Protein backbone atom coordinates (compact mmCIF):
# COMPACT_ATOMS: atom_id res chain seq x y z
CA MET A 1 -29.66 -1.61 12.87
CA ILE A 2 -27.24 1.14 13.92
CA CYS A 3 -29.52 4.19 14.03
CA GLY A 4 -30.92 5.69 17.20
CA GLN A 5 -34.64 5.43 18.00
CA THR A 6 -35.23 9.17 18.29
CA SER A 7 -34.81 12.40 16.31
CA TRP A 8 -35.41 10.96 12.80
CA TYR A 9 -37.89 12.40 10.27
CA LYS A 10 -40.76 10.07 9.48
CA SER A 11 -40.77 7.94 6.33
CA ASP A 12 -43.48 5.82 4.67
CA ASN A 13 -40.89 3.35 3.37
CA PRO A 14 -41.28 0.31 5.67
CA GLU A 15 -37.54 -0.47 5.42
CA ALA A 16 -36.33 3.09 5.99
CA VAL A 17 -34.67 4.43 9.13
CA GLY A 18 -37.53 6.90 9.65
CA CYS A 19 -40.27 4.26 9.60
CA ASN A 20 -41.06 2.72 13.01
CA PRO A 21 -37.83 3.98 14.63
CA LYS A 22 -38.64 1.91 17.72
CA TYR A 23 -37.14 -1.02 15.77
CA ASN A 24 -33.88 0.83 15.18
CA ASN A 25 -30.58 0.44 17.04
CA LYS A 26 -30.29 -3.32 17.52
CA THR A 27 -26.49 -2.86 17.49
CA GLN A 28 -26.72 -0.04 20.08
CA PHE A 29 -24.45 2.07 17.84
CA ASN A 30 -27.06 4.83 18.25
CA ALA A 31 -26.39 6.90 15.11
CA LEU A 32 -28.13 10.25 15.56
CA ALA A 33 -29.65 12.48 12.88
CA GLY A 34 -27.45 15.50 13.57
CA SER A 35 -27.16 16.52 9.89
CA PHE A 36 -24.02 18.47 8.72
CA ARG A 37 -22.62 21.84 7.66
CA PHE A 38 -21.89 22.76 4.02
CA THR A 39 -18.72 24.37 2.62
CA ASP A 40 -20.38 27.80 2.58
CA GLY A 41 -21.03 27.49 6.28
CA LYS A 42 -24.77 27.02 5.89
CA PHE A 43 -26.83 24.34 7.63
CA THR A 44 -29.01 23.47 4.63
CA TYR A 45 -30.36 20.08 5.74
CA PRO A 46 -32.19 20.17 9.09
CA ILE A 47 -31.62 17.93 12.08
CA GLY A 48 -33.67 14.77 11.66
CA ASN A 49 -32.68 14.38 8.02
CA SER A 50 -29.42 12.41 8.24
CA ALA A 51 -26.46 11.16 10.26
CA ASN A 52 -23.04 11.97 8.74
CA PHE A 53 -19.64 10.70 9.91
CA TRP A 54 -16.07 11.38 8.83
CA THR A 55 -13.63 8.52 8.37
CA SER A 56 -9.90 9.11 8.89
CA THR A 57 -9.15 8.20 5.24
CA PRO A 58 -8.28 11.02 2.79
CA SER A 59 -9.07 10.77 -0.91
CA THR A 60 -8.19 13.31 -3.59
CA VAL A 61 -6.88 16.75 -2.67
CA GLY A 62 -9.54 18.55 -0.62
CA TYR A 63 -11.72 15.46 -0.11
CA ALA A 64 -12.01 12.55 2.33
CA TRP A 65 -14.23 9.50 2.74
CA CYS A 66 -17.33 9.67 4.91
CA ARG A 67 -20.51 7.70 5.69
CA TYR A 68 -24.10 8.94 5.84
CA ILE A 69 -27.54 7.57 6.67
CA SER A 70 -30.77 9.27 5.49
CA TYR A 71 -34.15 9.05 7.19
CA PHE A 72 -35.79 7.81 3.94
CA SER A 73 -33.24 5.03 3.29
CA LYS A 74 -32.29 1.71 4.84
CA ASN A 75 -28.61 1.86 3.81
CA MET A 76 -25.43 3.34 5.19
CA ASN A 77 -23.77 5.05 2.22
CA ARG A 78 -20.10 5.72 1.40
CA CYS A 79 -19.26 9.02 -0.27
CA LEU A 80 -16.63 11.72 -0.70
CA GLY A 81 -16.96 14.91 1.32
CA ARG A 82 -15.05 18.15 1.04
CA ASN A 83 -12.58 18.62 3.87
CA VAL A 84 -14.36 21.80 4.97
CA PHE A 85 -17.70 20.04 5.53
CA GLY A 86 -18.76 19.81 9.17
CA LEU A 87 -19.63 16.19 10.02
CA SER A 88 -19.98 14.11 13.15
CA VAL A 89 -17.19 11.80 14.28
CA ARG A 90 -17.16 8.33 15.82
CA CYS A 91 -13.99 6.77 17.23
CA VAL A 92 -12.92 3.14 17.43
CA LYS A 93 -10.67 1.57 20.03
CA GLY A 94 -7.24 0.30 19.02
CA GLU A 95 -5.36 0.32 15.73
CA LEU A 96 -6.87 0.99 12.31
CA PRO A 97 -8.24 -2.30 10.96
CA VAL A 98 -6.84 -1.72 7.45
CA GLU A 99 -3.24 -2.26 8.44
CA LYS A 100 -1.12 -3.13 11.44
CA TYR A 101 2.34 -1.64 11.73
CA ASN A 102 4.54 -2.69 14.61
CA PRO A 103 8.22 -1.82 14.21
CA THR A 104 9.06 -4.17 17.06
CA ASN A 105 7.64 -7.11 15.09
CA VAL A 106 10.70 -8.15 13.12
CA VAL A 107 12.22 -10.99 11.09
CA ILE A 108 15.92 -11.92 10.99
CA ASP A 109 17.72 -13.45 7.99
CA ILE A 110 20.69 -15.86 7.96
CA ASP A 111 23.14 -12.90 7.97
CA LYS A 112 21.45 -11.55 11.14
CA ASN A 113 19.94 -8.60 9.28
CA VAL A 114 16.80 -7.41 11.09
CA TYR A 115 13.73 -6.29 9.10
CA LYS A 116 10.63 -4.46 10.27
CA THR A 117 7.34 -5.99 9.14
CA VAL A 118 3.84 -4.74 8.40
CA GLN A 119 0.47 -6.49 8.22
CA ILE A 120 -1.72 -5.30 5.35
CA GLY A 121 -5.01 -7.13 5.26
CA LYS A 122 -4.26 -10.82 5.79
CA GLN A 123 -0.70 -10.52 4.48
CA VAL A 124 2.44 -9.84 6.52
CA TRP A 125 5.22 -8.17 4.50
CA MET A 126 8.76 -7.07 5.16
CA ALA A 127 8.72 -3.27 5.46
CA GLU A 128 12.33 -3.13 4.24
CA ASN A 129 14.22 -4.43 1.20
CA LEU A 130 16.00 -7.77 1.43
CA ASN A 131 19.74 -7.45 2.12
CA VAL A 132 20.94 -11.03 2.55
CA SER A 133 24.21 -12.30 1.02
CA ARG A 134 23.63 -16.04 1.55
CA TYR A 135 20.96 -18.55 0.67
CA ARG A 136 19.03 -20.18 3.47
CA ASN A 137 21.40 -23.17 3.53
CA GLY A 138 24.43 -20.90 4.04
CA ASP A 139 25.75 -20.92 0.45
CA LYS A 140 27.04 -17.52 -0.66
CA ILE A 141 25.24 -15.47 -3.30
CA PRO A 142 28.00 -14.04 -5.56
CA GLN A 143 28.44 -10.28 -5.72
CA ILE A 144 29.01 -9.32 -9.37
CA MET A 145 30.26 -5.80 -10.07
CA ASP A 146 31.47 -6.07 -13.68
CA GLY A 147 28.77 -5.14 -16.20
CA ASP A 148 29.77 -7.66 -18.88
CA ALA A 149 29.89 -10.46 -16.33
CA TRP A 150 26.47 -9.43 -14.98
CA ASP A 151 24.98 -9.51 -18.49
CA LYS A 152 26.08 -13.14 -19.03
CA LEU A 153 24.72 -14.52 -15.75
CA THR A 154 22.45 -17.56 -15.70
CA SER A 155 22.70 -18.11 -11.95
CA GLY A 156 21.99 -16.08 -8.84
CA ALA A 157 23.90 -12.88 -8.03
CA TYR A 158 23.54 -9.55 -6.25
CA CYS A 159 25.01 -6.07 -6.40
CA TYR A 160 24.61 -2.65 -4.83
CA TYR A 161 23.19 0.18 -6.89
CA GLY A 162 26.13 1.82 -8.68
CA ASN A 163 28.34 -0.85 -7.07
CA ASN A 164 28.44 1.52 -4.11
CA PRO A 165 28.14 -0.30 -0.76
CA LYS A 166 26.91 2.95 0.85
CA ASN A 167 23.57 2.30 -0.86
CA GLU A 168 23.18 -0.99 1.01
CA LYS A 169 22.16 0.56 4.32
CA ILE A 170 19.11 2.30 2.87
CA PHE A 171 18.11 0.28 -0.19
CA GLY A 172 19.45 -3.20 0.48
CA LYS A 173 20.81 -5.33 -2.35
CA LEU A 174 19.70 -5.71 -5.97
CA TYR A 175 19.26 -9.34 -7.06
CA ASN A 176 18.80 -10.98 -10.43
CA PHE A 177 15.84 -13.31 -10.85
CA TYR A 178 18.09 -16.37 -10.78
CA ALA A 179 18.79 -15.63 -7.12
CA VAL A 180 15.07 -15.15 -6.46
CA SER A 181 14.14 -18.49 -8.06
CA ASP A 182 17.06 -20.51 -6.66
CA LYS A 183 15.80 -23.54 -4.72
CA ARG A 184 18.23 -22.76 -1.91
CA ASN A 185 15.94 -19.81 -1.12
CA ILE A 186 17.01 -16.23 -0.36
CA ALA A 187 14.13 -15.57 2.04
CA PRO A 188 14.40 -16.12 5.82
CA THR A 189 12.84 -19.27 7.26
CA GLY A 190 9.05 -18.89 7.38
CA TRP A 191 9.08 -16.33 4.59
CA HIS A 192 9.22 -16.32 0.78
CA VAL A 193 9.62 -13.85 -2.08
CA ALA A 194 6.15 -12.53 -2.87
CA SER A 195 4.52 -14.01 -5.96
CA ASP A 196 2.74 -12.14 -8.73
CA ALA A 197 -0.59 -13.32 -7.29
CA GLU A 198 0.33 -12.02 -3.82
CA TRP A 199 1.17 -8.60 -5.24
CA ILE A 200 -2.21 -8.60 -6.99
CA GLU A 201 -3.88 -9.47 -3.67
CA LEU A 202 -2.03 -6.57 -2.01
CA SER A 203 -3.22 -4.11 -4.66
CA LYS A 204 -6.82 -5.31 -4.48
CA TYR A 205 -6.84 -4.91 -0.72
CA LEU A 206 -5.46 -1.37 -0.86
CA ILE A 207 -7.90 -0.35 -3.61
CA SER A 208 -10.86 -1.70 -1.66
CA ASN A 209 -9.86 -0.05 1.61
CA GLY A 210 -9.44 3.60 0.66
CA PHE A 211 -5.72 3.72 -0.18
CA ASN A 212 -6.17 4.93 -3.78
CA ALA A 213 -4.71 8.39 -4.47
CA ASP A 214 -7.80 9.33 -6.50
CA GLY A 215 -10.32 7.82 -4.12
CA ILE A 216 -11.86 5.68 -6.86
CA ALA A 217 -11.92 1.99 -6.10
CA ASN A 218 -11.65 0.60 -9.63
CA LEU A 219 -8.04 1.22 -10.76
CA ASP A 220 -4.71 0.77 -8.99
CA PHE A 221 -3.63 4.27 -7.92
CA THR A 222 -2.15 3.03 -4.65
CA GLY A 223 1.46 4.07 -5.33
CA LYS A 224 1.51 6.85 -2.73
CA SER A 225 0.20 4.52 -0.05
CA LEU A 226 3.16 2.16 -0.62
CA ALA A 227 5.95 4.68 -1.33
CA SER A 228 8.22 5.93 1.45
CA ASN A 229 7.97 9.48 2.81
CA THR A 230 11.54 10.33 1.83
CA GLY A 231 14.02 10.06 -1.03
CA TRP A 232 11.80 10.53 -4.10
CA TYR A 233 12.31 13.07 -6.88
CA SER A 234 9.74 15.87 -6.75
CA SER A 235 6.66 15.97 -8.97
CA LEU A 236 4.31 18.91 -9.42
CA ASN A 237 1.34 16.71 -10.34
CA GLN A 238 -1.20 16.05 -7.61
CA GLY A 239 -1.55 12.40 -6.64
CA MET A 240 1.89 11.44 -7.91
CA ILE A 241 4.34 9.70 -5.59
CA GLY A 242 6.80 12.60 -5.79
CA CYS A 243 4.18 15.26 -4.96
CA ASP A 244 3.85 16.06 -1.24
CA LEU A 245 5.77 13.15 0.27
CA THR A 246 4.03 13.70 3.61
CA LYS A 247 0.98 11.93 2.14
CA ASN A 248 2.96 8.83 1.16
CA ASN A 249 3.24 5.52 3.00
CA SER A 250 -0.18 5.28 4.65
CA SER A 251 0.19 1.48 4.40
CA HIS A 252 3.65 1.53 6.09
CA PHE A 253 5.01 -0.65 3.25
CA ASN A 254 7.82 1.92 2.83
CA ALA A 255 8.79 1.29 -0.80
CA LEU A 256 12.18 2.94 -1.35
CA PRO A 257 13.35 4.54 -4.63
CA GLY A 258 16.47 2.39 -4.99
CA SER A 259 16.16 2.08 -8.81
CA PHE A 260 17.55 -1.04 -10.58
CA ARG A 261 20.31 -2.51 -12.74
CA PHE A 262 19.85 -3.19 -16.46
CA SER A 263 20.64 -6.48 -18.14
CA ASN A 264 23.88 -4.99 -19.58
CA GLY A 265 25.04 -4.16 -16.07
CA ASP A 266 24.42 -0.40 -16.36
CA PHE A 267 22.71 1.72 -13.70
CA THR A 268 20.89 3.99 -16.15
CA TYR A 269 18.08 5.35 -13.99
CA PRO A 270 19.27 7.20 -10.88
CA ILE A 271 18.27 6.51 -7.33
CA ARG A 272 15.16 8.50 -6.30
CA THR A 273 13.31 7.81 -9.59
CA SER A 274 11.74 4.40 -8.92
CA ALA A 275 11.27 1.39 -6.66
CA ASN A 276 11.48 -1.97 -8.43
CA PHE A 277 10.63 -5.38 -6.97
CA TRP A 278 10.87 -8.91 -8.30
CA THR A 279 7.99 -11.30 -7.84
CA SER A 280 8.77 -15.01 -7.63
CA THR A 281 6.70 -15.67 -10.75
CA GLU A 282 8.34 -16.52 -14.05
CA ASN A 283 6.84 -15.21 -17.29
CA ASN A 284 8.93 -17.24 -19.76
CA SER A 285 12.47 -18.60 -20.08
CA LEU A 286 14.00 -15.10 -20.23
CA TYR A 287 11.54 -12.88 -18.36
CA ALA A 288 9.82 -12.74 -14.96
CA TRP A 289 7.10 -10.54 -13.45
CA ASN A 290 7.95 -7.53 -11.32
CA ARG A 291 6.38 -4.40 -9.84
CA TYR A 292 7.61 -0.83 -10.04
CA LEU A 293 6.65 2.59 -8.68
CA SER A 294 7.80 5.84 -10.31
CA TYR A 295 8.16 9.28 -8.72
CA ASP A 296 5.96 10.78 -11.47
CA GLY A 297 3.33 8.02 -11.31
CA CYS A 298 0.51 7.15 -8.93
CA ARG A 299 0.11 3.44 -9.52
CA VAL A 300 1.85 0.15 -8.84
CA SER A 301 2.79 -1.04 -12.33
CA ARG A 302 3.17 -4.67 -13.39
CA ASP A 303 5.95 -5.42 -15.84
CA SER A 304 7.90 -8.32 -17.29
CA GLY A 305 11.66 -7.82 -16.92
CA LYS A 306 14.69 -9.77 -18.10
CA LYS A 307 15.80 -12.26 -15.47
CA VAL A 308 19.28 -10.73 -15.47
CA TYR A 309 17.95 -7.34 -14.29
CA GLY A 310 18.94 -6.37 -10.75
CA LEU A 311 15.88 -5.44 -8.67
CA SER A 312 14.98 -5.10 -5.02
CA VAL A 313 13.13 -7.91 -3.23
CA ARG A 314 10.36 -7.91 -0.67
CA CYS A 315 9.40 -11.06 1.20
CA ILE A 316 6.04 -12.11 2.62
CA LYS A 317 5.30 -14.41 5.52
CA ASP A 318 4.38 -18.03 4.72
C-alpha cells in the first residue's frame, strides 16, 4: 500500500511487496528500497532489499525506534536500530501526533492562578501542580502547619513543603486526600482531579507510543517521559529519572520533585527525591490511591497512601 512500484527485488509470495509491484503504492507514500548502512560502515544489504526509516523517538541508550519494509514481506515492521545506523528519513507536517504541548493553552483557578496544559493522547492535563487555596464555591481550604494538628485531620487542608511558602512558586501546594475528595471541589471549573483509572490510561498511552525508557512496550518505564528536566537528585543508573535530565519530559507533563508530607506532619524525604500525586480514587476508609516518581527509578509507581498524607495534585480536563 505504501511502497513504490519500482526498485524492489522480486518475490514469489503473492502478498509480498516484491510480487507484482505494479499494485503497490495505493497511498502514494512511495516507500523506496534504498536499504541502509550498518554500524561498521558497510552496506551489507543491497538496494532493492528493503526500505528503512528512522522515527524521532529514542529508546534505550544508543538505540532509537525505526520502521522497515522487506521485499519478501507484506508488513511494515517496528524495530530498534542503533543510533549509528544510516537509514532514510520521512517527515510529517505539523506537531508530533503523540502529544500536543501549547504553553499558551492555559486554565485559571478561582484564585486566578494560571496553569499551562498539555494534551497526551485523548487526555488534557495540567502541566503544573495545583496551587489553589479555595474550593470552587469560594470556601477557604485551611492551611495547617502544625504537625500534630495535621495528623488528626479528617477534613481538607493544605500546606507548603517544609511549611516554607518559597516552595509554592515551583511546586504548588500539598493537599491531604480530604481536600481532594471534598464535594466543594478543588479543581477549576471544567476540570477534575485525575482518577486512578485516568492515570492508568495515561501510562498505557505512553507505553504504547514509544515513551518507555527501555523501549519495551510491556512494562511502565515511562518515568523519564513525565519527569521535569530540572530539580532532581542525580542518579548514575541509565534510564533512571535522575540520570541525564536532558532526556526527561518528552511528554511535557513536567512532574516536579516536590516530595510530600507524612501523616505525622513530618517532611521526611527532601525535595528533589520524588514527585507524588493524589488520584481522586479512594482505596478504603483510611487510604487512597496515588502515583509517585523517584529520582532513582524509571517507572510511575502506584501506591496506596494514608488520606492524611500531603501530596501534590494534577487535574485533568472534563
